[in-house]
Amino acid sequence: MTTIPKTMRAVEAREPGGPEVLGVGMQPVPGLSDGELLIKVAAAGVNRADCMQRRGEYPPPAGASEILGLEVSGTVAALGAGVSGWREGDPVCALLAGGGYAEYCAVPAPQCLPVPSGVDLVDAAALPEVALTVWANVFERGGLTPGETLLVHGGSSGIGTMAIQLASALGSTVYVTAGSSEKCDACKRLGATRAFNYREVDFVEAVRSAAGGVDVILDMVGGPYLERNLAVLNLDGRLVIIALMGGARTEINLATLMRRRLVVTGTTLRARTIAEKGAVVDAVRARVWPLLESGRVRPVVHRRWPLSEAATAHQVMEASSHIGKLLLVV
């Protein structure tokens, strides 16, 4: 039996604010409820939602840990009552509602996945949030099918790098926008057919010139891009909005939706129920994990930092200078 300590190191936010409010303190190791795993954390993924929570703009759901962190990798340290299919010591990665920036975290078993064979244990922390987000939004919500075209805004982000790889591997043509020539080149190496630097070209004109239009758009910008996104969707096209980095409000001509039979939808993952998240986990394990194990898809990690340097990782995230995922190693 693994000896579980009573306390653990965890990243704490002293108050809402900038990255400088983050520091490492001591917290109780979380207790286990029925149906949960206790994970000894190897690494935690850093996500933009963590920065929003640190600023006081994105509180965790009721009952979730106040500690930052929405995804981890590590090993199973203990099993709650009713958990089957796992053993102590198993390598695991998981989607959390909070609590990842710590040495231990408790997570419902349906939100856990085995680390894919061939993937480094630490790098596996880069997978849960992006794999589940992309699958739930591009393939389930957006209904992307082989032979269709996908436009990804923010192609060099963690979500973008996963969307490019998955859509390409499953038979779709991918176009992306990114903010530099370096990022555009990285996206093309991952499988994007064309990558457009949105600082230099109008993506509407560029996409129309390259493809005429696209079937599905994965958007993280929100309001300022809405009308322009609709302008490049094909008949029966689908726009899926997953973030609002540019703002939440805009105005559109609804006749455009009606005339071209367009669908505009948006989702979040964190607020879904355990059962809903578990259903996406099952789909990802069946459809995405084989692609990771074959090497056709891989985690893209920009850099790793120790847990004590969470503030630096947040600075890099907010500067948007990275390509792929940022990780904190415990």
Protein backbone atom coordinates (compact mmCIF):
# COMPACT_ATOMS: atom_id res chain seq x y z
CA MET A 1 0.00 0.00 0.00
CA THR A 2 1.24 3.47 -0.88
CA THR A 3 1.85 5.73 2.11
CA ILE A 4 -0.15 8.90 1.59
CA PRO A 5 1.11 12.02 3.41
CA LYS A 6 -1.30 14.32 5.21
CA THR A 7 -0.02 17.48 3.53
CA MET A 8 1.32 18.38 0.09
CA ARG A 9 2.88 21.23 -1.83
CA ALA A 10 0.43 23.17 -3.97
CA VAL A 11 0.40 26.42 -5.91
CA GLU A 12 -1.62 29.06 -4.09
CA ALA A 13 -2.96 32.40 -5.29
CA ARG A 14 -2.63 34.86 -2.42
CA GLU A 15 -5.31 37.09 -3.93
CA PRO A 16 -6.79 37.76 -7.36
CA GLY A 17 -4.22 39.40 -9.60
CA GLY A 18 -1.30 38.92 -11.93
CA PRO A 19 1.10 35.97 -12.09
CA GLU A 20 3.08 37.39 -9.17
CA VAL A 21 0.31 36.39 -6.73
CA LEU A 22 1.19 32.70 -7.25
CA GLY A 23 3.43 30.85 -4.82
CA VAL A 24 3.87 27.37 -3.37
CA GLY A 25 2.38 26.58 0.03
CA MET A 26 1.24 23.56 2.00
CA GLN A 27 -2.27 22.17 1.69
CA PRO A 28 -4.03 19.05 3.02
CA VAL A 29 -3.91 16.07 0.69
CA PRO A 30 -7.49 15.78 -0.63
CA GLY A 31 -9.67 13.03 0.77
CA LEU A 32 -11.28 10.48 -1.51
CA SER A 33 -14.99 10.25 -2.15
CA ASP A 34 -16.67 7.16 -3.55
CA GLY A 35 -15.83 6.67 -7.22
CA GLU A 36 -12.65 8.77 -7.16
CA LEU A 37 -8.95 8.15 -7.74
CA LEU A 38 -6.19 9.85 -5.80
CA ILE A 39 -3.43 10.71 -8.24
CA LYS A 40 0.19 11.35 -7.30
CA VAL A 41 0.82 14.12 -9.79
CA ALA A 42 3.80 14.01 -12.14
CA ALA A 43 2.84 17.11 -14.12
CA ALA A 44 -0.03 19.54 -14.60
CA GLY A 45 -1.07 21.28 -17.79
CA VAL A 46 -1.33 25.08 -17.80
CA ASN A 47 -4.43 26.47 -19.49
CA ARG A 48 -5.74 29.95 -20.21
CA ALA A 49 -8.66 29.19 -17.90
CA ASP A 50 -6.13 28.93 -15.05
CA CYS A 51 -5.04 32.50 -15.74
CA MET A 52 -8.65 33.63 -15.72
CA GLN A 53 -9.24 31.90 -12.38
CA ARG A 54 -6.09 33.46 -10.95
CA ARG A 55 -7.45 36.90 -11.90
CA GLY A 56 -10.76 36.12 -10.20
CA GLU A 57 -12.69 35.89 -13.48
CA TYR A 58 -13.43 32.16 -13.63
CA PRO A 59 -14.30 30.60 -10.25
CA PRO A 60 -14.32 26.81 -9.96
CA PRO A 61 -17.66 24.99 -9.99
CA ALA A 62 -19.36 24.32 -6.67
CA GLY A 63 -17.54 21.59 -4.76
CA ALA A 64 -14.38 21.70 -6.91
CA SER A 65 -10.92 22.38 -5.50
CA GLU A 66 -9.89 26.03 -5.27
CA ILE A 67 -6.38 25.03 -6.39
CA LEU A 68 -5.64 25.86 -10.03
CA GLY A 69 -5.18 23.15 -12.63
CA LEU A 70 -7.58 21.36 -14.99
CA GLU A 71 -5.46 18.41 -16.15
CA VAL A 72 -2.71 16.20 -14.78
CA SER A 73 -0.68 13.09 -15.37
CA GLY A 74 0.80 10.83 -12.73
CA THR A 75 0.23 7.52 -11.01
CA VAL A 76 -2.71 6.13 -9.08
CA ALA A 77 -2.00 6.54 -5.36
CA ALA A 78 -5.30 5.24 -3.93
CA LEU A 79 -8.75 4.09 -5.02
CA GLY A 80 -12.06 5.29 -3.64
CA ALA A 81 -14.90 2.90 -2.92
CA GLY A 82 -16.55 1.47 -6.00
CA VAL A 83 -13.67 2.14 -8.40
CA SER A 84 -12.77 -0.72 -10.72
CA GLY A 85 -10.37 -1.09 -13.63
CA TRP A 86 -7.50 0.71 -11.89
CA ARG A 87 -4.69 -0.38 -9.58
CA GLU A 88 -2.28 1.56 -7.41
CA GLY A 89 0.75 2.56 -9.43
CA ASP A 90 -1.05 2.67 -12.79
CA PRO A 91 0.05 5.58 -15.02
CA VAL A 92 -2.92 7.87 -15.51
CA CYS A 93 -3.90 11.24 -16.94
CA ALA A 94 -7.10 13.04 -16.06
CA LEU A 95 -9.40 15.97 -16.66
CA LEU A 96 -10.14 17.94 -13.48
CA ALA A 97 -12.55 20.62 -12.37
CA GLY A 98 -9.64 22.00 -10.31
CA GLY A 99 -6.74 20.95 -8.10
CA GLY A 100 -4.01 20.05 -10.59
CA TYR A 101 -1.20 22.37 -9.43
CA ALA A 102 -0.34 20.13 -6.49
CA GLU A 103 1.45 16.94 -5.50
CA TYR A 104 -1.84 15.03 -5.20
CA CYS A 105 -5.34 15.47 -6.59
CA ALA A 106 -8.62 13.58 -6.34
CA VAL A 107 -10.62 13.05 -9.51
CA PRO A 108 -13.74 11.05 -10.47
CA ALA A 109 -12.72 7.80 -12.15
CA PRO A 110 -14.83 8.47 -15.29
CA GLN A 111 -12.59 11.48 -16.01
CA CYS A 112 -9.39 9.40 -16.01
CA LEU A 113 -7.52 7.85 -18.93
CA PRO A 114 -4.54 5.50 -19.08
CA VAL A 115 -1.37 7.13 -20.35
CA PRO A 116 -1.09 6.09 -24.01
CA SER A 117 1.73 3.65 -24.70
CA GLY A 118 4.74 5.46 -26.11
CA VAL A 119 3.83 8.78 -24.47
CA ASP A 120 6.09 10.11 -21.70
CA LEU A 121 4.36 10.27 -18.31
CA VAL A 122 5.03 14.00 -17.89
CA ASP A 123 4.03 14.86 -21.46
CA ALA A 124 0.73 13.02 -20.94
CA ALA A 125 -0.38 16.00 -18.82
CA ALA A 126 -0.64 17.89 -22.12
CA LEU A 127 -3.39 15.59 -23.40
CA PRO A 128 -6.68 15.54 -21.40
CA GLU A 129 -7.91 19.11 -21.80
CA VAL A 130 -6.98 19.45 -25.47
CA ALA A 131 -8.04 15.97 -26.56
CA LEU A 132 -11.44 16.18 -24.87
CA THR A 133 -12.04 19.78 -25.96
CA VAL A 134 -11.21 19.06 -29.59
CA TRP A 135 -13.21 15.85 -29.73
CA ALA A 136 -16.27 17.33 -28.02
CA ASN A 137 -16.28 20.48 -30.12
CA VAL A 138 -14.83 19.69 -33.55
CA PHE A 139 -16.17 16.17 -33.99
CA GLU A 140 -19.23 15.90 -31.74
CA ARG A 141 -20.57 19.46 -31.69
CA GLY A 142 -19.17 20.51 -35.07
CA GLY A 143 -19.78 17.18 -36.76
CA LEU A 144 -16.57 17.27 -38.82
CA THR A 145 -16.43 14.25 -41.15
CA PRO A 146 -13.71 12.89 -43.45
CA GLY A 147 -13.37 14.95 -46.61
CA GLU A 148 -14.64 18.16 -44.99
CA THR A 149 -12.57 21.26 -44.28
CA LEU A 150 -11.76 22.76 -40.88
CA LEU A 151 -10.52 26.25 -39.99
CA VAL A 152 -8.81 26.56 -36.60
CA HIS A 153 -8.15 29.97 -35.09
CA GLY A 154 -5.16 29.93 -32.77
CA GLY A 155 -3.62 26.97 -34.55
CA SER A 156 -0.40 27.08 -32.51
CA SER A 157 -2.19 26.86 -29.14
CA GLY A 158 -2.45 23.59 -27.26
CA ILE A 159 -5.98 23.07 -28.53
CA GLY A 160 -4.99 24.20 -32.02
CA THR A 161 -2.07 21.78 -32.30
CA MET A 162 -4.33 18.89 -31.27
CA ALA A 163 -7.14 19.96 -33.62
CA ILE A 164 -4.76 20.09 -36.58
CA GLN A 165 -3.38 16.64 -35.91
CA LEU A 166 -6.69 14.93 -35.19
CA ALA A 167 -8.59 16.42 -38.11
CA SER A 168 -5.74 15.64 -40.50
CA ALA A 169 -5.37 12.09 -39.22
CA LEU A 170 -9.12 11.49 -39.61
CA GLY A 171 -9.27 12.66 -43.19
CA SER A 172 -10.07 16.37 -43.17
CA THR A 173 -8.25 19.33 -44.73
CA VAL A 174 -7.15 21.88 -42.13
CA TYR A 175 -6.54 25.62 -42.44
CA VAL A 176 -5.37 27.71 -39.50
CA THR A 177 -4.69 31.24 -38.39
CA ALA A 178 -1.74 32.08 -36.14
CA GLY A 179 0.15 35.20 -35.09
CA SER A 180 3.62 34.74 -36.58
CA SER A 181 5.45 33.05 -39.42
CA GLU A 182 7.12 30.73 -36.90
CA LYS A 183 3.74 29.64 -35.56
CA CYS A 184 2.35 29.20 -39.07
CA ASP A 185 5.30 26.99 -40.04
CA ALA A 186 4.78 24.88 -36.92
CA CYS A 187 1.11 24.39 -37.80
CA LYS A 188 1.99 23.23 -41.31
CA ARG A 189 4.48 20.72 -39.91
CA LEU A 190 1.65 19.29 -37.80
CA GLY A 191 -0.57 18.79 -40.84
CA ALA A 192 -2.25 22.09 -41.70
CA THR A 193 -2.60 22.55 -45.46
CA ARG A 194 -2.33 26.34 -45.20
CA ALA A 195 -1.58 28.66 -42.29
CA PHE A 196 -2.39 32.38 -42.39
CA ASN A 197 -0.68 35.01 -40.27
CA TYR A 198 -3.67 37.06 -39.10
CA ARG A 199 -1.37 40.02 -38.40
CA GLU A 200 -0.46 40.24 -42.09
CA VAL A 201 -3.47 39.00 -44.08
CA ASP A 202 -7.24 39.09 -43.87
CA PHE A 203 -8.16 35.50 -43.08
CA VAL A 204 -11.51 35.85 -44.86
CA GLU A 205 -9.86 36.69 -48.17
CA ALA A 206 -7.08 34.15 -47.60
CA VAL A 207 -9.47 31.27 -46.85
CA ARG A 208 -11.75 32.15 -49.74
CA SER A 209 -8.77 32.25 -52.09
CA ALA A 210 -7.36 28.96 -50.83
CA ALA A 211 -10.51 26.91 -50.34
CA GLY A 212 -13.58 28.90 -51.29
CA GLY A 213 -14.97 28.18 -47.84
CA VAL A 214 -14.80 25.72 -44.96
CA ASP A 215 -17.29 23.36 -43.34
CA VAL A 216 -16.37 23.77 -39.66
CA ILE A 217 -14.61 26.56 -37.73
CA LEU A 218 -13.13 26.17 -34.23
CA ASP A 219 -12.98 29.67 -32.78
CA MET A 220 -11.39 31.00 -29.58
CA VAL A 221 -11.72 34.72 -30.38
CA GLY A 222 -15.46 35.26 -30.10
CA GLY A 223 -17.29 38.51 -30.84
CA PRO A 224 -14.91 40.32 -33.23
CA TYR A 225 -14.61 37.23 -35.45
CA LEU A 226 -18.26 36.17 -35.60
CA GLU A 227 -19.36 37.96 -38.77
CA ARG A 228 -16.06 37.18 -40.51
CA ASN A 229 -16.33 33.51 -39.56
CA LEU A 230 -19.81 33.30 -41.05
CA ALA A 231 -18.47 34.82 -44.26
CA VAL A 232 -16.14 31.86 -44.89
CA LEU A 233 -18.50 29.02 -43.94
CA ASN A 234 -19.83 26.79 -46.69
CA LEU A 235 -23.53 26.01 -47.03
CA ASP A 236 -24.58 24.05 -43.91
CA GLY A 237 -21.36 25.16 -42.19
CA ARG A 238 -20.85 24.96 -38.43
CA LEU A 239 -19.11 27.50 -36.19
CA VAL A 240 -18.08 26.25 -32.75
CA ILE A 241 -16.99 28.90 -30.23
CA ILE A 242 -14.96 27.69 -27.25
CA ALA A 243 -13.42 30.91 -25.89
CA LEU A 244 -13.98 34.67 -25.93
CA MET A 245 -10.48 36.11 -26.02
CA GLY A 246 -11.65 39.02 -28.19
CA GLY A 247 -14.89 39.71 -26.34
CA ALA A 248 -18.37 38.28 -25.85
CA ARG A 249 -20.60 40.73 -27.71
CA THR A 250 -21.18 41.50 -31.37
CA GLU A 251 -23.95 42.01 -33.90
CA ILE A 252 -24.78 39.88 -36.95
CA ASN A 253 -27.32 39.69 -39.73
CA LEU A 254 -29.46 36.66 -38.91
CA ALA A 255 -30.53 36.41 -42.52
CA THR A 256 -27.02 35.08 -43.23
CA LEU A 257 -27.68 32.10 -40.96
CA MET A 258 -31.04 31.40 -42.52
CA ARG A 259 -30.02 31.80 -46.13
CA ARG A 260 -26.95 29.51 -45.87
CA ARG A 261 -28.32 27.15 -43.19
CA LEU A 262 -25.45 27.87 -40.80
CA VAL A 263 -25.08 26.62 -37.24
CA VAL A 264 -23.45 28.72 -34.51
CA THR A 265 -22.83 26.92 -31.23
CA GLY A 266 -20.62 27.18 -28.19
CA THR A 267 -19.66 25.01 -25.24
CA THR A 268 -17.54 24.78 -22.12
CA LEU A 269 -16.12 21.58 -20.69
CA ARG A 270 -15.46 22.42 -17.04
CA ALA A 271 -19.09 22.86 -16.02
CA ARG A 272 -20.32 19.56 -17.50
CA THR A 273 -21.40 16.76 -15.18
CA ILE A 274 -19.14 13.83 -14.38
CA ALA A 275 -21.31 11.59 -16.56
CA GLU A 276 -21.09 14.01 -19.49
CA LYS A 277 -17.33 14.29 -19.16
CA GLY A 278 -17.08 10.52 -18.82
CA ALA A 279 -18.91 10.05 -22.12
CA VAL A 280 -16.38 12.28 -23.88
CA VAL A 281 -13.52 10.42 -22.15
CA ASP A 282 -14.88 7.11 -23.47
CA ALA A 283 -15.07 8.50 -27.01
CA VAL A 284 -11.55 9.91 -26.80
CA ARG A 285 -10.17 6.63 -25.49
CA ALA A 286 -11.79 4.76 -28.39
CA ARG A 287 -11.00 7.21 -31.21
CA VAL A 288 -8.02 9.37 -30.18
CA TRP A 289 -5.87 7.11 -28.00
CA PRO A 290 -5.12 4.65 -30.86
CA LEU A 291 -3.80 7.58 -32.92
CA LEU A 292 -1.50 8.59 -30.06
CA GLU A 293 -0.28 5.04 -29.57
CA SER A 294 0.47 4.68 -33.29
CA GLY A 295 2.41 7.96 -33.32
CA ARG A 296 0.11 9.67 -35.83
CA VAL A 297 -0.85 12.20 -33.16
CA ARG A 298 1.44 13.43 -30.38
CA PRO A 299 1.39 15.89 -27.51
CA VAL A 300 3.09 19.16 -28.45
CA VAL A 301 4.90 20.58 -25.41
CA HIS A 302 6.45 24.03 -25.60
CA ARG A 303 8.21 23.94 -22.23
CA ARG A 304 8.21 22.42 -18.76
CA TRP A 305 8.75 24.32 -15.49
CA PRO A 306 8.91 23.13 -11.88
CA LEU A 307 5.80 23.73 -9.79
CA SER A 308 7.54 26.62 -8.03
CA GLU A 309 7.71 28.55 -11.33
CA ALA A 310 3.96 28.60 -12.01
CA ALA A 311 4.08 32.40 -12.22
CA THR A 312 6.57 32.23 -15.10
CA ALA A 313 4.39 29.70 -16.91
CA HIS A 314 1.40 32.04 -16.54
CA GLN A 315 3.42 34.94 -17.92
CA VAL A 316 4.29 32.91 -21.02
CA MET A 317 0.67 31.80 -21.43
CA GLU A 318 -0.60 35.37 -21.28
CA ALA A 319 2.09 36.59 -23.69
CA SER A 320 0.86 33.99 -26.23
CA SER A 321 4.43 33.38 -27.33
CA HIS A 322 4.28 29.60 -27.07
CA ILE A 323 3.57 26.79 -29.52
CA GLY A 324 1.70 23.89 -27.93
CA LYS A 325 1.29 23.16 -24.24
CA LEU A 326 2.92 24.52 -21.09
CA LEU A 327 3.53 22.08 -18.23
CA LEU A 328 4.33 22.29 -14.53
CA VAL A 329 6.41 19.34 -13.32
CA VAL A 330 5.86 18.24 -9.73
